[in-house]
């Protein structure tokens, strides 16, 4: 985990737009706030207090890299949704998230390609977090024609700031 204090929400036009999107999605029957692209996620944290919750495993953070949010208003929280090496669910996930974000904090969940982060966004919405977004395509996206990740979709492919382990 990289943050130790909950992030407070500040009112800005971008925040109002994101929160309106969340409300519309929830009223429309979606069981989380919705999808945002990697570019939308980074653009949002540039000027707004939010937490990018990277739910990948420790080896993924170390060997693949993590988002770099230096110079933004956002914070990065690294909390495993599934534990390496057996991929069992992290039973302390909600507790660890509560240590870094309040229930009204915009949360942008990120994993390798969007699956685990979607599960985390849905689960945390069910626990009362109001603004749980899934970052579509994740950090690396789906494999390309050569079975490589990170080349065509995701945070890395969009050339957003990141750093190695």
N, C-alpha and C. Protein backbone atom coordinates (compact mmCIF):
# COMPACT_ATOMS: atom_id res chain seq x y z
N UNK A 1 0.82 -1.18 0.00
CA UNK A 1 0.00 0.00 0.00
C UNK A 1 0.86 1.24 0.00
N UNK A 2 0.42 2.23 -0.75
CA UNK A 2 1.26 3.41 -0.87
C UNK A 2 0.70 4.62 -0.15
N UNK A 3 -0.54 4.60 0.29
CA UNK A 3 -1.12 5.74 0.97
C UNK A 3 -1.58 5.31 2.35
N UNK A 4 -1.54 6.25 3.31
CA UNK A 4 -1.93 5.88 4.65
C UNK A 4 -3.09 6.70 5.18
N UNK A 5 -3.56 7.69 4.43
CA UNK A 5 -4.67 8.52 4.87
C UNK A 5 -5.72 8.56 3.78
N UNK A 6 -7.02 8.53 4.15
CA UNK A 6 -8.07 8.63 3.14
C UNK A 6 -7.94 9.92 2.34
N UNK A 7 -8.30 9.85 1.07
CA UNK A 7 -8.25 11.00 0.18
C UNK A 7 -9.58 11.73 0.26
N UNK A 8 -9.54 13.04 0.40
CA UNK A 8 -10.76 13.84 0.44
C UNK A 8 -11.17 14.22 -0.98
N UNK A 9 -12.46 14.36 -1.21
CA UNK A 9 -12.99 14.73 -2.51
C UNK A 9 -13.10 16.24 -2.59
N UNK A 10 -12.65 16.82 -3.72
CA UNK A 10 -12.80 18.25 -3.94
C UNK A 10 -13.69 18.47 -5.15
N UNK A 11 -14.48 19.54 -5.15
CA UNK A 11 -15.41 19.80 -6.25
C UNK A 11 -14.70 20.51 -7.40
N UNK A 12 -14.75 19.92 -8.59
CA UNK A 12 -14.22 20.53 -9.80
C UNK A 12 -15.14 20.12 -10.93
N UNK A 13 -15.12 20.82 -12.07
CA UNK A 13 -15.97 20.40 -13.19
C UNK A 13 -15.73 18.95 -13.61
N UNK A 14 -14.45 18.51 -13.65
CA UNK A 14 -14.16 17.13 -14.02
C UNK A 14 -14.77 16.16 -13.02
N UNK A 15 -14.67 16.52 -11.76
CA UNK A 15 -15.24 15.67 -10.72
C UNK A 15 -16.75 15.60 -10.89
N UNK A 16 -17.39 16.73 -11.13
CA UNK A 16 -18.84 16.74 -11.32
C UNK A 16 -19.24 15.85 -12.48
N UNK A 17 -18.48 15.89 -13.57
CA UNK A 17 -18.76 15.07 -14.74
C UNK A 17 -18.63 13.58 -14.42
N UNK A 18 -17.55 13.22 -13.73
CA UNK A 18 -17.33 11.83 -13.36
C UNK A 18 -18.41 11.34 -12.41
N UNK A 19 -18.78 12.15 -11.44
CA UNK A 19 -19.79 11.74 -10.48
C UNK A 19 -21.16 11.64 -11.14
N UNK A 20 -21.44 12.50 -12.10
CA UNK A 20 -22.69 12.41 -12.84
C UNK A 20 -22.74 11.11 -13.65
N UNK A 21 -21.61 10.74 -14.25
CA UNK A 21 -21.52 9.49 -15.00
C UNK A 21 -21.80 8.31 -14.06
N UNK A 22 -21.23 8.37 -12.87
CA UNK A 22 -21.43 7.32 -11.88
C UNK A 22 -22.90 7.20 -11.51
N UNK A 23 -23.54 8.33 -11.21
CA UNK A 23 -24.95 8.32 -10.83
C UNK A 23 -25.82 7.75 -11.94
N UNK A 24 -25.56 8.16 -13.17
CA UNK A 24 -26.34 7.67 -14.30
C UNK A 24 -26.18 6.16 -14.47
N UNK A 25 -24.95 5.67 -14.33
CA UNK A 25 -24.70 4.23 -14.47
C UNK A 25 -25.40 3.44 -13.36
N UNK A 26 -25.32 3.94 -12.13
CA UNK A 26 -25.95 3.24 -11.01
C UNK A 26 -27.47 3.27 -11.14
N UNK A 27 -28.03 4.41 -11.55
CA UNK A 27 -29.48 4.49 -11.76
C UNK A 27 -29.92 3.59 -12.91
N UNK A 28 -29.03 3.40 -13.86
CA UNK A 28 -29.32 2.54 -15.00
C UNK A 28 -29.19 1.06 -14.69
N UNK A 29 -28.88 0.71 -13.47
CA UNK A 29 -28.82 -0.68 -13.07
C UNK A 29 -27.43 -1.29 -13.04
N UNK A 30 -26.41 -0.51 -13.39
CA UNK A 30 -25.05 -1.03 -13.33
C UNK A 30 -24.66 -1.15 -11.85
N UNK A 31 -23.97 -2.23 -11.48
CA UNK A 31 -23.64 -2.44 -10.07
C UNK A 31 -22.26 -1.91 -9.68
N UNK A 32 -21.77 -0.92 -10.40
CA UNK A 32 -20.57 -0.15 -10.08
C UNK A 32 -20.66 1.14 -10.89
N UNK A 33 -19.75 2.07 -10.69
CA UNK A 33 -19.88 3.40 -11.31
C UNK A 33 -19.68 3.41 -12.82
N UNK A 34 -18.98 2.42 -13.36
CA UNK A 34 -18.80 2.35 -14.80
C UNK A 34 -17.35 2.20 -15.22
N UNK A 35 -17.14 2.27 -16.53
CA UNK A 35 -15.83 2.09 -17.14
C UNK A 35 -15.23 3.45 -17.49
N UNK A 36 -13.92 3.56 -17.32
CA UNK A 36 -13.16 4.70 -17.82
C UNK A 36 -11.96 4.15 -18.56
N UNK A 37 -11.54 4.83 -19.59
CA UNK A 37 -10.35 4.40 -20.33
C UNK A 37 -9.12 4.75 -19.51
N UNK A 38 -7.97 4.15 -19.83
CA UNK A 38 -6.74 4.56 -19.14
C UNK A 38 -6.47 6.06 -19.28
N UNK A 39 -6.74 6.62 -20.45
CA UNK A 39 -6.51 8.05 -20.67
C UNK A 39 -7.45 8.89 -19.80
N UNK A 40 -8.72 8.47 -19.69
CA UNK A 40 -9.66 9.20 -18.83
C UNK A 40 -9.23 9.12 -17.37
N UNK A 41 -8.78 7.95 -16.95
CA UNK A 41 -8.34 7.78 -15.56
C UNK A 41 -7.17 8.70 -15.26
N UNK A 42 -6.16 8.69 -16.11
CA UNK A 42 -5.00 9.55 -15.87
C UNK A 42 -5.38 11.02 -15.96
N UNK A 43 -6.18 11.37 -16.94
CA UNK A 43 -6.64 12.76 -17.07
C UNK A 43 -7.39 13.22 -15.84
N UNK A 44 -8.17 12.35 -15.26
CA UNK A 44 -8.93 12.71 -14.08
C UNK A 44 -8.03 12.95 -12.87
N UNK A 45 -7.07 12.04 -12.63
CA UNK A 45 -6.22 12.19 -11.45
C UNK A 45 -5.23 13.34 -11.58
N UNK A 46 -5.01 13.83 -12.79
CA UNK A 46 -4.11 14.98 -12.95
C UNK A 46 -4.59 16.17 -12.13
N UNK A 47 -5.91 16.38 -12.10
CA UNK A 47 -6.45 17.57 -11.45
C UNK A 47 -7.43 17.29 -10.32
N UNK A 48 -7.64 16.03 -9.98
CA UNK A 48 -8.63 15.69 -8.97
C UNK A 48 -8.10 14.67 -7.97
N UNK A 49 -8.52 14.83 -6.72
CA UNK A 49 -8.17 13.86 -5.70
C UNK A 49 -8.94 12.58 -5.96
N UNK A 50 -8.22 11.53 -6.23
CA UNK A 50 -8.80 10.21 -6.50
C UNK A 50 -7.72 9.19 -6.20
N UNK A 51 -8.12 7.95 -6.10
CA UNK A 51 -7.15 6.89 -5.85
C UNK A 51 -7.21 5.90 -7.00
N UNK A 52 -6.07 5.65 -7.63
CA UNK A 52 -5.92 4.56 -8.58
C UNK A 52 -5.57 3.34 -7.72
N UNK A 53 -6.46 2.36 -7.71
CA UNK A 53 -6.26 1.17 -6.90
C UNK A 53 -5.77 0.06 -7.82
N UNK A 54 -4.47 -0.21 -7.76
CA UNK A 54 -3.86 -1.25 -8.58
C UNK A 54 -4.04 -2.57 -7.83
N UNK A 55 -4.89 -3.45 -8.37
CA UNK A 55 -5.26 -4.68 -7.66
C UNK A 55 -4.46 -5.90 -8.12
N UNK A 56 -3.39 -5.68 -8.89
CA UNK A 56 -2.59 -6.80 -9.37
C UNK A 56 -1.77 -7.41 -8.23
N UNK A 57 -0.98 -8.39 -8.56
CA UNK A 57 -0.16 -9.08 -7.57
C UNK A 57 1.21 -8.42 -7.43
N UNK A 58 1.90 -8.75 -6.34
CA UNK A 58 3.23 -8.20 -6.09
C UNK A 58 4.18 -8.47 -7.26
N UNK A 59 4.24 -9.71 -7.79
CA UNK A 59 5.15 -9.93 -8.94
C UNK A 59 4.79 -9.06 -10.15
N UNK A 60 3.51 -8.80 -10.38
CA UNK A 60 3.14 -7.94 -11.50
C UNK A 60 3.65 -6.52 -11.27
N UNK A 61 3.51 -6.01 -10.06
CA UNK A 61 4.02 -4.67 -9.76
C UNK A 61 5.53 -4.62 -9.96
N UNK A 62 6.21 -5.65 -9.46
CA UNK A 62 7.67 -5.65 -9.51
C UNK A 62 8.23 -5.83 -10.91
N UNK A 63 7.65 -6.72 -11.69
CA UNK A 63 8.24 -7.08 -12.97
C UNK A 63 7.60 -6.41 -14.18
N UNK A 64 6.34 -5.98 -14.07
CA UNK A 64 5.66 -5.36 -15.20
C UNK A 64 5.65 -3.84 -15.08
N UNK A 65 5.55 -3.35 -13.84
CA UNK A 65 5.54 -1.91 -13.60
C UNK A 65 4.24 -1.45 -12.98
N UNK A 66 4.22 -0.17 -12.60
CA UNK A 66 3.05 0.44 -11.96
C UNK A 66 2.83 1.84 -12.53
N UNK A 67 1.60 2.34 -12.45
CA UNK A 67 1.36 3.72 -12.89
C UNK A 67 2.20 4.70 -12.07
N UNK A 68 2.64 5.74 -12.71
CA UNK A 68 3.39 6.82 -12.04
C UNK A 68 2.45 8.02 -11.97
N UNK A 69 2.11 8.44 -10.76
CA UNK A 69 1.18 9.54 -10.58
C UNK A 69 1.84 10.81 -10.04
N UNK A 70 3.16 10.85 -10.05
CA UNK A 70 3.88 12.04 -9.59
C UNK A 70 3.40 13.25 -10.39
N UNK A 71 3.17 14.35 -9.68
CA UNK A 71 2.71 15.57 -10.34
C UNK A 71 1.22 15.63 -10.56
N UNK A 72 0.48 14.64 -10.07
CA UNK A 72 -0.98 14.64 -10.18
C UNK A 72 -1.58 14.84 -8.79
N UNK A 73 -2.88 14.98 -8.75
CA UNK A 73 -3.61 15.06 -7.49
C UNK A 73 -3.99 13.67 -6.98
N UNK A 74 -3.78 12.66 -7.81
CA UNK A 74 -4.16 11.29 -7.45
C UNK A 74 -3.12 10.59 -6.62
N UNK A 75 -3.56 9.51 -6.01
CA UNK A 75 -2.67 8.65 -5.24
C UNK A 75 -2.81 7.23 -5.79
N UNK A 76 -1.73 6.49 -5.67
CA UNK A 76 -1.72 5.09 -6.07
C UNK A 76 -1.79 4.23 -4.81
N UNK A 77 -2.74 3.32 -4.79
CA UNK A 77 -2.83 2.32 -3.72
C UNK A 77 -2.62 0.96 -4.37
N UNK A 78 -1.67 0.22 -3.86
CA UNK A 78 -1.38 -1.11 -4.40
C UNK A 78 -1.91 -2.13 -3.40
N UNK A 79 -3.07 -2.72 -3.76
CA UNK A 79 -3.75 -3.66 -2.88
C UNK A 79 -4.14 -4.87 -3.73
N UNK A 80 -3.57 -6.02 -3.45
CA UNK A 80 -3.87 -7.23 -4.23
C UNK A 80 -5.33 -7.64 -4.04
N UNK A 81 -6.02 -7.89 -5.14
CA UNK A 81 -7.36 -8.47 -5.10
C UNK A 81 -7.24 -9.99 -4.97
N UNK A 82 -6.31 -10.55 -5.69
CA UNK A 82 -6.00 -11.99 -5.63
C UNK A 82 -4.55 -12.12 -5.18
N UNK A 83 -4.30 -13.10 -4.34
CA UNK A 83 -2.96 -13.26 -3.76
C UNK A 83 -2.12 -14.23 -4.60
N UNK A 84 -0.87 -13.87 -4.80
CA UNK A 84 0.09 -14.72 -5.50
C UNK A 84 0.67 -15.71 -4.49
N UNK A 85 0.89 -16.96 -4.82
CA UNK A 85 0.80 -17.58 -6.14
C UNK A 85 -0.50 -18.34 -6.39
N UNK A 86 -1.37 -18.47 -5.38
CA UNK A 86 -2.55 -19.33 -5.57
C UNK A 86 -3.78 -18.59 -6.09
N UNK A 87 -3.72 -17.30 -6.20
CA UNK A 87 -4.81 -16.45 -6.68
C UNK A 87 -6.07 -16.55 -5.81
N UNK A 88 -5.86 -16.82 -4.52
CA UNK A 88 -6.98 -16.78 -3.59
C UNK A 88 -7.35 -15.31 -3.36
N UNK A 89 -8.62 -15.08 -3.06
CA UNK A 89 -9.08 -13.72 -2.83
C UNK A 89 -8.45 -13.15 -1.56
N UNK A 90 -8.03 -11.91 -1.62
CA UNK A 90 -7.47 -11.21 -0.47
C UNK A 90 -8.60 -10.89 0.50
N UNK A 91 -8.68 -11.60 1.60
CA UNK A 91 -9.77 -11.41 2.57
C UNK A 91 -9.67 -10.08 3.31
N UNK A 92 -8.55 -9.39 3.20
CA UNK A 92 -8.36 -8.12 3.88
C UNK A 92 -8.49 -6.92 2.92
N UNK A 93 -8.93 -7.19 1.69
CA UNK A 93 -8.97 -6.13 0.68
C UNK A 93 -9.77 -4.91 1.15
N UNK A 94 -10.99 -5.13 1.63
CA UNK A 94 -11.84 -4.01 2.06
C UNK A 94 -11.19 -3.24 3.20
N UNK A 95 -10.59 -3.94 4.12
CA UNK A 95 -9.91 -3.30 5.25
C UNK A 95 -8.72 -2.46 4.76
N UNK A 96 -7.96 -2.99 3.83
CA UNK A 96 -6.81 -2.27 3.29
C UNK A 96 -7.26 -1.05 2.49
N UNK A 97 -8.35 -1.19 1.75
CA UNK A 97 -8.87 -0.05 1.00
C UNK A 97 -9.37 1.04 1.94
N UNK A 98 -10.05 0.66 3.01
CA UNK A 98 -10.57 1.63 3.97
C UNK A 98 -9.45 2.46 4.59
N UNK A 99 -8.26 1.92 4.66
CA UNK A 99 -7.12 2.65 5.23
C UNK A 99 -6.61 3.75 4.30
N UNK A 100 -6.99 3.71 3.01
CA UNK A 100 -6.47 4.69 2.05
C UNK A 100 -7.55 5.55 1.38
N UNK A 101 -8.82 5.17 1.51
CA UNK A 101 -9.87 5.90 0.80
C UNK A 101 -11.18 5.87 1.57
N UNK A 102 -11.87 7.00 1.55
CA UNK A 102 -13.20 7.07 2.13
C UNK A 102 -14.25 6.59 1.15
N UNK A 103 -15.45 6.40 1.63
CA UNK A 103 -16.53 5.85 0.79
C UNK A 103 -16.98 6.82 -0.30
N UNK A 104 -16.64 8.11 -0.18
CA UNK A 104 -17.00 9.08 -1.21
C UNK A 104 -15.82 9.46 -2.12
N UNK A 105 -14.70 8.78 -1.96
CA UNK A 105 -13.53 9.04 -2.79
C UNK A 105 -13.69 8.38 -4.16
N UNK A 106 -13.43 9.08 -5.24
CA UNK A 106 -13.43 8.43 -6.55
C UNK A 106 -12.30 7.39 -6.59
N UNK A 107 -12.65 6.16 -6.95
CA UNK A 107 -11.70 5.05 -7.00
C UNK A 107 -11.64 4.53 -8.43
N UNK A 108 -10.43 4.41 -8.95
CA UNK A 108 -10.20 3.94 -10.31
C UNK A 108 -9.43 2.63 -10.20
N UNK A 109 -10.16 1.51 -10.31
CA UNK A 109 -9.56 0.18 -10.12
C UNK A 109 -8.87 -0.26 -11.40
N UNK A 110 -7.64 -0.80 -11.24
CA UNK A 110 -6.78 -1.16 -12.36
C UNK A 110 -6.18 -2.53 -12.12
N UNK A 111 -6.20 -3.40 -13.13
CA UNK A 111 -5.47 -4.67 -13.05
C UNK A 111 -4.74 -4.88 -14.38
N UNK A 112 -4.45 -6.10 -14.74
CA UNK A 112 -3.71 -6.36 -15.98
C UNK A 112 -4.53 -5.98 -17.21
N UNK A 113 -5.79 -6.49 -17.28
CA UNK A 113 -6.58 -6.25 -18.48
C UNK A 113 -8.04 -5.88 -18.20
N UNK A 114 -8.40 -5.68 -16.95
CA UNK A 114 -9.74 -5.19 -16.63
C UNK A 114 -10.67 -6.16 -15.94
N UNK A 115 -10.28 -7.40 -15.73
CA UNK A 115 -11.16 -8.39 -15.11
C UNK A 115 -11.18 -8.34 -13.59
N UNK A 116 -10.00 -8.46 -12.98
CA UNK A 116 -9.94 -8.40 -11.51
C UNK A 116 -10.38 -7.05 -11.00
N UNK A 117 -10.02 -6.00 -11.70
CA UNK A 117 -10.40 -4.65 -11.27
C UNK A 117 -11.91 -4.46 -11.35
N UNK A 118 -12.56 -5.05 -12.33
CA UNK A 118 -14.02 -4.99 -12.40
C UNK A 118 -14.63 -5.70 -11.20
N UNK A 119 -14.12 -6.88 -10.87
CA UNK A 119 -14.62 -7.61 -9.70
C UNK A 119 -14.46 -6.77 -8.43
N UNK A 120 -13.32 -6.11 -8.27
CA UNK A 120 -13.08 -5.28 -7.10
C UNK A 120 -14.02 -4.08 -7.08
N UNK A 121 -14.24 -3.44 -8.23
CA UNK A 121 -15.15 -2.29 -8.29
C UNK A 121 -16.57 -2.67 -7.90
N UNK A 122 -17.03 -3.80 -8.39
CA UNK A 122 -18.38 -4.27 -8.06
C UNK A 122 -18.47 -4.60 -6.56
N UNK A 123 -17.47 -5.30 -6.04
CA UNK A 123 -17.49 -5.70 -4.63
C UNK A 123 -17.44 -4.48 -3.71
N UNK A 124 -16.62 -3.50 -4.04
CA UNK A 124 -16.51 -2.33 -3.16
C UNK A 124 -17.75 -1.43 -3.27
N UNK A 125 -18.39 -1.40 -4.43
CA UNK A 125 -19.66 -0.69 -4.56
C UNK A 125 -20.70 -1.33 -3.63
N UNK A 126 -20.71 -2.65 -3.60
CA UNK A 126 -21.65 -3.36 -2.73
C UNK A 126 -21.40 -3.07 -1.25
N UNK A 127 -20.17 -2.69 -0.92
CA UNK A 127 -19.82 -2.36 0.47
C UNK A 127 -20.03 -0.87 0.79
N UNK A 128 -20.58 -0.12 -0.16
CA UNK A 128 -20.93 1.26 0.11
C UNK A 128 -20.01 2.32 -0.46
N UNK A 129 -18.97 1.93 -1.19
CA UNK A 129 -18.13 2.93 -1.87
C UNK A 129 -18.94 3.45 -3.05
N UNK A 130 -19.04 4.77 -3.17
CA UNK A 130 -19.97 5.37 -4.13
C UNK A 130 -19.43 5.52 -5.54
N UNK A 131 -18.13 5.65 -5.71
CA UNK A 131 -17.58 5.99 -7.02
C UNK A 131 -16.48 5.02 -7.42
N UNK A 132 -16.85 3.78 -7.71
CA UNK A 132 -15.90 2.73 -8.08
C UNK A 132 -15.92 2.53 -9.59
N UNK A 133 -14.88 2.97 -10.25
CA UNK A 133 -14.75 2.84 -11.69
C UNK A 133 -13.73 1.77 -12.04
N UNK A 134 -13.98 1.08 -13.13
CA UNK A 134 -13.04 0.10 -13.66
C UNK A 134 -12.26 0.75 -14.80
N UNK A 135 -10.94 0.64 -14.77
CA UNK A 135 -10.12 1.15 -15.87
C UNK A 135 -10.09 0.07 -16.95
N UNK A 136 -10.83 0.33 -18.03
CA UNK A 136 -10.93 -0.64 -19.11
C UNK A 136 -9.55 -0.90 -19.71
N UNK A 137 -9.32 -2.11 -20.09
CA UNK A 137 -8.06 -2.56 -20.70
C UNK A 137 -6.90 -2.64 -19.71
N UNK A 138 -7.09 -2.16 -18.48
CA UNK A 138 -6.09 -2.34 -17.43
C UNK A 138 -4.74 -1.72 -17.74
N UNK A 139 -3.72 -2.30 -17.14
CA UNK A 139 -2.36 -1.79 -17.28
C UNK A 139 -1.72 -2.27 -18.58
N UNK A 140 -2.06 -3.50 -19.01
CA UNK A 140 -1.42 -4.08 -20.20
C UNK A 140 -2.37 -4.43 -21.33
N UNK A 141 -3.66 -4.56 -21.06
CA UNK A 141 -4.61 -4.95 -22.09
C UNK A 141 -4.52 -6.42 -22.44
N UNK A 142 -5.36 -6.81 -23.38
CA UNK A 142 -5.35 -8.19 -23.85
C UNK A 142 -4.12 -8.45 -24.72
N UNK A 143 -3.78 -9.72 -24.91
CA UNK A 143 -2.63 -10.03 -25.79
C UNK A 143 -2.90 -9.60 -27.23
N UNK A 144 -1.85 -9.19 -27.92
CA UNK A 144 -1.97 -8.84 -29.33
C UNK A 144 -1.84 -10.11 -30.18
N UNK A 145 -1.73 -9.97 -31.48
CA UNK A 145 -1.64 -11.11 -32.39
C UNK A 145 -0.42 -11.98 -32.13
N UNK A 146 0.60 -11.39 -31.52
CA UNK A 146 1.82 -12.15 -31.19
C UNK A 146 1.82 -12.66 -29.75
N UNK A 147 0.66 -12.54 -29.09
CA UNK A 147 0.48 -12.99 -27.71
C UNK A 147 1.26 -12.15 -26.70
N UNK A 148 1.55 -10.91 -27.05
CA UNK A 148 2.23 -9.98 -26.14
C UNK A 148 1.23 -8.97 -25.60
N UNK A 149 1.39 -8.63 -24.35
CA UNK A 149 0.54 -7.62 -23.72
C UNK A 149 1.28 -6.28 -23.67
N UNK A 150 0.50 -5.20 -23.53
CA UNK A 150 1.08 -3.88 -23.34
C UNK A 150 1.47 -3.17 -24.62
N UNK A 151 1.18 -3.76 -25.77
CA UNK A 151 1.59 -3.15 -27.03
C UNK A 151 0.46 -2.39 -27.71
N UNK A 152 -0.78 -2.83 -27.54
CA UNK A 152 -1.88 -2.21 -28.27
C UNK A 152 -2.95 -1.58 -27.39
N UNK A 153 -3.12 -2.09 -26.17
CA UNK A 153 -4.18 -1.57 -25.29
C UNK A 153 -3.66 -1.47 -23.87
N UNK A 154 -4.35 -0.67 -23.07
CA UNK A 154 -3.99 -0.53 -21.66
C UNK A 154 -3.13 0.69 -21.38
N UNK A 155 -2.87 0.90 -20.10
CA UNK A 155 -2.12 2.06 -19.60
C UNK A 155 -0.77 2.21 -20.30
N UNK A 156 -0.02 1.11 -20.38
CA UNK A 156 1.32 1.17 -20.99
C UNK A 156 1.26 1.49 -22.48
N UNK A 157 0.35 0.84 -23.19
CA UNK A 157 0.25 1.05 -24.63
C UNK A 157 -0.18 2.48 -24.96
N UNK A 158 -0.91 3.10 -24.07
CA UNK A 158 -1.34 4.48 -24.29
C UNK A 158 -0.26 5.47 -23.90
N UNK A 159 0.90 4.95 -23.51
CA UNK A 159 2.08 5.74 -23.16
C UNK A 159 1.81 6.72 -22.02
N UNK A 160 1.02 6.26 -21.05
CA UNK A 160 0.80 7.04 -19.84
C UNK A 160 1.97 6.79 -18.91
N UNK A 161 2.23 7.69 -17.98
CA UNK A 161 3.39 7.54 -17.10
C UNK A 161 3.34 6.26 -16.27
N UNK A 162 4.47 5.56 -16.25
CA UNK A 162 4.58 4.35 -15.43
C UNK A 162 6.05 4.15 -15.10
N UNK A 163 6.27 3.32 -14.11
CA UNK A 163 7.65 3.03 -13.74
C UNK A 163 7.79 1.55 -13.47
N UNK A 164 8.99 1.09 -13.65
CA UNK A 164 9.29 -0.33 -13.40
C UNK A 164 9.41 -0.56 -11.91
N UNK A 165 8.76 -1.65 -11.43
CA UNK A 165 8.79 -2.10 -10.04
C UNK A 165 9.33 -1.14 -9.12
